[in-house]
Structure formats: C-alpha cells, structure tokens
Amino acid sequence: QVQLVESGGGLVQPGGSVRLSCAASGFTFSNYWMTWVRQTPGKGLEWISTINFGGDTTYSRASVKGRFTISRDNVKNILYLQMNSLESEDTAVYYCNKNPAYNTWGQGTQVTVSS
C-alpha cells in the first residue's frame, strides 16, 4: 500500500543543482517524519537528511549541510531534497522513506555528478 516514488535525478555537472522529489501515498504523509538516504557501491547506504511532521525541524549529515535542503509539502504529499553545489562524491542513488521503520522502498533516483 505504501508507495514512494523518487524522481528528479540525472547527470549534473560539479557545482550544479538538482531538486529531487519523493511522491508518497498509502499512508498519512503528514503524520510521519521523512528521510532521504543514498546508496553508493563503495559506501553503501548513507543517511542524508530527516524532516519532522510539519517541516519546521530538520537534520542533515555534516557533509551536506549548507548544500542540501530537505523540505516537504503536506498538501501534495511530496518530500523534496534541494541539492546545490554538487560534488562528485554526491553521486548515488537517492531514496526517500518514512520514519521510523523503512519497510517499503521506492526505486530511487540516480544522481550522477560528473563533468
């Protein structure tokens, strides 16, 4: 029933920007904290950022602070990740999920940062 559909990724040059979207359905979106994680072959699964129910509280890993911004639209049931000043190290498949248990996963969206 839970569906998470990530989109917005693609090939981006270093220093560029992209906004990822996560369309959520099958649950009461506004009742859940939401999280972005990313997957790379070398580093595995890595937590990126988390946002609370209403969007007024966020947490991010140090390596993306000042560059990535998590946000949510509780009317449209969409989670966003605005990514600026992208680096090659940001290349990964990005996934969204709802807290606390990541029982259902979307297909992810590939972000490739390369010149």
C-alpha atoms as a PDB file:
ATOM      1  CA  GLN A   1       0.000   0.000   0.000  1.00  0.00           C
ATOM      2  CA  VAL A   2       2.791   2.390   0.869  1.00  0.00           C
ATOM      3  CA  GLN A   3       4.311   3.870  -2.259  1.00  0.00           C
ATOM      4  CA  LEU A   4       7.363   6.068  -2.515  1.00  0.00           C
ATOM      5  CA  VAL A   5       8.338   7.324  -5.937  1.00  0.00           C
ATOM      6  CA  GLU A   6      11.590   9.221  -6.228  1.00  0.00           C
ATOM      7  CA  SER A   7      12.310  11.400  -9.225  1.00  0.00           C
ATOM      8  CA  GLY A   8      14.343  14.344 -10.408  1.00  0.00           C
ATOM      9  CA  GLY A   9      17.798  12.849 -10.662  1.00  0.00           C
ATOM     10  CA  GLY A  10      20.087  12.890 -13.635  1.00  0.00           C
ATOM     11  CA  LEU A  11      23.509  13.892 -14.861  1.00  0.00           C
ATOM     12  CA  VAL A  12      24.705  17.114 -13.249  1.00  0.00           C
ATOM     13  CA  GLN A  13      27.992  18.969 -13.527  1.00  0.00           C
ATOM     14  CA  PRO A  14      30.058  19.619 -10.413  1.00  0.00           C
ATOM     15  CA  GLY A  15      28.770  22.735  -8.706  1.00  0.00           C
ATOM     16  CA  GLY A  16      25.358  22.276 -10.229  1.00  0.00           C
ATOM     17  CA  SER A  17      21.978  21.873  -8.613  1.00  0.00           C
ATOM     18  CA  VAL A  18      19.079  19.496  -8.762  1.00  0.00           C
ATOM     19  CA  ARG A  19      15.866  19.050  -6.817  1.00  0.00           C
ATOM     20  CA  LEU A  20      14.717  15.555  -6.018  1.00  0.00           C
ATOM     21  CA  SER A  21      11.107  14.714  -5.330  1.00  0.00           C
ATOM     22  CA  CYS A  22       9.505  11.854  -3.454  1.00  0.00           C
ATOM     23  CA  ALA A  23       5.821  11.323  -4.105  1.00  0.00           C
ATOM     24  CA  ALA A  24       4.274   9.476  -1.180  1.00  0.00           C
ATOM     25  CA  SER A  25       0.995   7.615  -0.973  1.00  0.00           C
ATOM     26  CA  GLY A  26      -0.668   4.861   1.003  1.00  0.00           C
ATOM     27  CA  PHE A  27      -0.173   6.484   4.394  1.00  0.00           C
ATOM     28  CA  THR A  28      -0.916   9.717   6.171  1.00  0.00           C
ATOM     29  CA  PHE A  29       2.111  11.613   4.982  1.00  0.00           C
ATOM     30  CA  SER A  30       1.845  14.460   7.465  1.00  0.00           C
ATOM     31  CA  ASN A  31       1.977  12.054  10.421  1.00  0.00           C
ATOM     32  CA  TYR A  32       5.468  10.816   9.639  1.00  0.00           C
ATOM     33  CA  TRP A  33       8.947  12.138   9.842  1.00  0.00           C
ATOM     34  CA  MET A  34      10.603  11.620   6.470  1.00  0.00           C
ATOM     35  CA  THR A  35      14.161  10.853   5.478  1.00  0.00           C
ATOM     36  CA  TRP A  36      16.445  10.904   2.465  1.00  0.00           C
ATOM     37  CA  VAL A  37      19.213   8.322   2.176  1.00  0.00           C
ATOM     38  CA  ARG A  38      21.591   7.487  -0.635  1.00  0.00           C
ATOM     39  CA  GLN A  39      23.254   4.353  -1.887  1.00  0.00           C
ATOM     40  CA  THR A  40      26.661   4.020  -3.494  1.00  0.00           C
ATOM     41  CA  PRO A  41      28.580   0.881  -4.403  1.00  0.00           C
ATOM     42  CA  GLY A  42      31.537   1.931  -2.286  1.00  0.00           C
ATOM     43  CA  LYS A  43      29.910   3.484   0.747  1.00  0.00           C
ATOM     44  CA  GLY A  44      26.643   1.599   0.930  1.00  0.00           C
ATOM     45  CA  LEU A  45      23.574   3.165   2.444  1.00  0.00           C
ATOM     46  CA  GLU A  46      24.121   6.622   3.885  1.00  0.00           C
ATOM     47  CA  TRP A  47      21.688   8.823   5.776  1.00  0.00           C
ATOM     48  CA  ILE A  48      21.334  12.281   4.284  1.00  0.00           C
ATOM     49  CA  SER A  49      18.598  14.250   5.975  1.00  0.00           C
ATOM     50  CA  THR A  50      15.419  13.977   8.030  1.00  0.00           C
ATOM     51  CA  ILE A  51      12.435  16.264   8.457  1.00  0.00           C
ATOM     52  CA  ASN A  52       9.687  16.266  11.062  1.00  0.00           C
ATOM     53  CA  PHE A  53       5.933  16.172  10.510  1.00  0.00           C
ATOM     54  CA  GLY A  54       5.369  19.828   9.853  1.00  0.00           C
ATOM     55  CA  GLY A  55       8.696  20.635   8.238  1.00  0.00           C
ATOM     56  CA  ASP A  56       9.897  23.056  10.893  1.00  0.00           C
ATOM     57  CA  THR A  57      12.653  20.774  12.179  1.00  0.00           C
ATOM     58  CA  THR A  58      15.341  19.206  10.019  1.00  0.00           C
ATOM     59  CA  TYR A  59      18.559  17.258  10.467  1.00  0.00           C
ATOM     60  CA  SER A  60      21.316  16.677   7.949  1.00  0.00           C
ATOM     61  CA  ARG A  61      24.683  14.991   7.871  1.00  0.00           C
ATOM     62  CA  ALA A  62      27.629  17.320   8.076  1.00  0.00           C
ATOM     63  CA  SER A  63      28.840  16.710   4.541  1.00  0.00           C
ATOM     64  CA  VAL A  64      25.657  18.144   3.027  1.00  0.00           C
ATOM     65  CA  LYS A  65      24.870  20.956   5.458  1.00  0.00           C
ATOM     66  CA  GLY A  66      24.741  24.241   3.636  1.00  0.00           C
ATOM     67  CA  ARG A  67      24.321  22.464   0.314  1.00  0.00           C
ATOM     68  CA  PHE A  68      21.244  20.254   0.653  1.00  0.00           C
ATOM     69  CA  THR A  69      17.861  21.314   1.959  1.00  0.00           C
ATOM     70  CA  ILE A  70      15.102  18.894   2.846  1.00  0.00           C
ATOM     71  CA  SER A  71      11.521  20.113   2.717  1.00  0.00           C
ATOM     72  CA  ARG A  72       8.022  18.759   2.409  1.00  0.00           C
ATOM     73  CA  ASP A  73       4.632  19.660   1.029  1.00  0.00           C
ATOM     74  CA  ASN A  74       1.984  18.068   3.221  1.00  0.00           C
ATOM     75  CA  VAL A  75      -0.765  19.116   0.846  1.00  0.00           C
ATOM     76  CA  LYS A  76       0.751  17.407  -2.174  1.00  0.00           C
ATOM     77  CA  ASN A  77       2.357  14.607  -0.127  1.00  0.00           C
ATOM     78  CA  ILE A  78       5.758  15.269  -1.619  1.00  0.00           C
ATOM     79  CA  LEU A  79       9.148  15.253   0.034  1.00  0.00           C
ATOM     80  CA  TYR A  80      11.912  17.282  -1.576  1.00  0.00           C
ATOM     81  CA  LEU A  81      15.664  17.414  -1.477  1.00  0.00           C
ATOM     82  CA  GLN A  82      17.213  20.518  -2.976  1.00  0.00           C
ATOM     83  CA  MET A  83      20.837  19.797  -3.753  1.00  0.00           C
ATOM     84  CA  ASN A  84      23.227  22.614  -4.555  1.00  0.00           C
ATOM     85  CA  SER A  85      26.978  22.816  -5.069  1.00  0.00           C
ATOM     86  CA  LEU A  86      27.045  19.190  -6.056  1.00  0.00           C
ATOM     87  CA  GLU A  87      30.261  17.243  -5.854  1.00  0.00           C
ATOM     88  CA  SER A  88      31.337  14.009  -7.468  1.00  0.00           C
ATOM     89  CA  GLU A  89      31.038  12.366  -4.064  1.00  0.00           C
ATOM     90  CA  ASP A  90      27.300  13.054  -4.162  1.00  0.00           C
ATOM     91  CA  THR A  91      26.888  10.568  -6.982  1.00  0.00           C
ATOM     92  CA  ALA A  92      24.473   7.949  -5.709  1.00  0.00           C
ATOM     93  CA  VAL A  93      21.003   6.547  -5.922  1.00  0.00           C
ATOM     94  CA  TYR A  94      18.789   8.636  -3.674  1.00  0.00           C
ATOM     95  CA  TYR A  95      15.879   7.150  -1.773  1.00  0.00           C
ATOM     96  CA  CYS A  96      13.216   8.586   0.462  1.00  0.00           C
ATOM     97  CA  ASN A  97      11.465   6.798   3.283  1.00  0.00           C
ATOM     98  CA  LYS A  98       9.213   7.322   6.264  1.00  0.00           C
ATOM     99  CA  ASN A  99      10.329   7.022   9.835  1.00  0.00           C
ATOM    100  CA  PRO A 100      10.845   5.075  11.953  1.00  0.00           C
ATOM    101  CA  ALA A 101      10.782   1.798  10.029  1.00  0.00           C
ATOM    102  CA  TYR A 102      11.870   1.659   6.406  1.00  0.00           C
ATOM    103  CA  ASN A 103       9.630  -1.213   5.373  1.00  0.00           C
ATOM    104  CA  THR A 104       8.855  -0.095   1.854  1.00  0.00           C
ATOM    105  CA  TRP A 105      11.281   1.353  -0.654  1.00  0.00           C
ATOM    106  CA  GLY A 106      10.854   3.131  -3.931  1.00  0.00           C
ATOM    107  CA  GLN A 107      13.014   2.640  -6.981  1.00  0.00           C
ATOM    108  CA  GLY A 108      15.288   5.515  -6.091  1.00  0.00           C
ATOM    109  CA  THR A 109      16.580   8.186  -8.430  1.00  0.00           C
ATOM    110  CA  GLN A 110      20.115   8.261  -9.772  1.00  0.00           C
ATOM    111  CA  VAL A 111      22.165  11.414  -9.376  1.00  0.00           C
ATOM    112  CA  THR A 112      25.429  11.447 -11.271  1.00  0.00           C
ATOM    113  CA  VAL A 113      27.757  14.382 -10.740  1.00  0.00           C
ATOM    114  CA  SER A 114      30.363  14.491 -13.463  1.00  0.00           C
ATOM    115  CA  SER A 115      31.922  16.846 -15.957  1.00  0.00           C
END
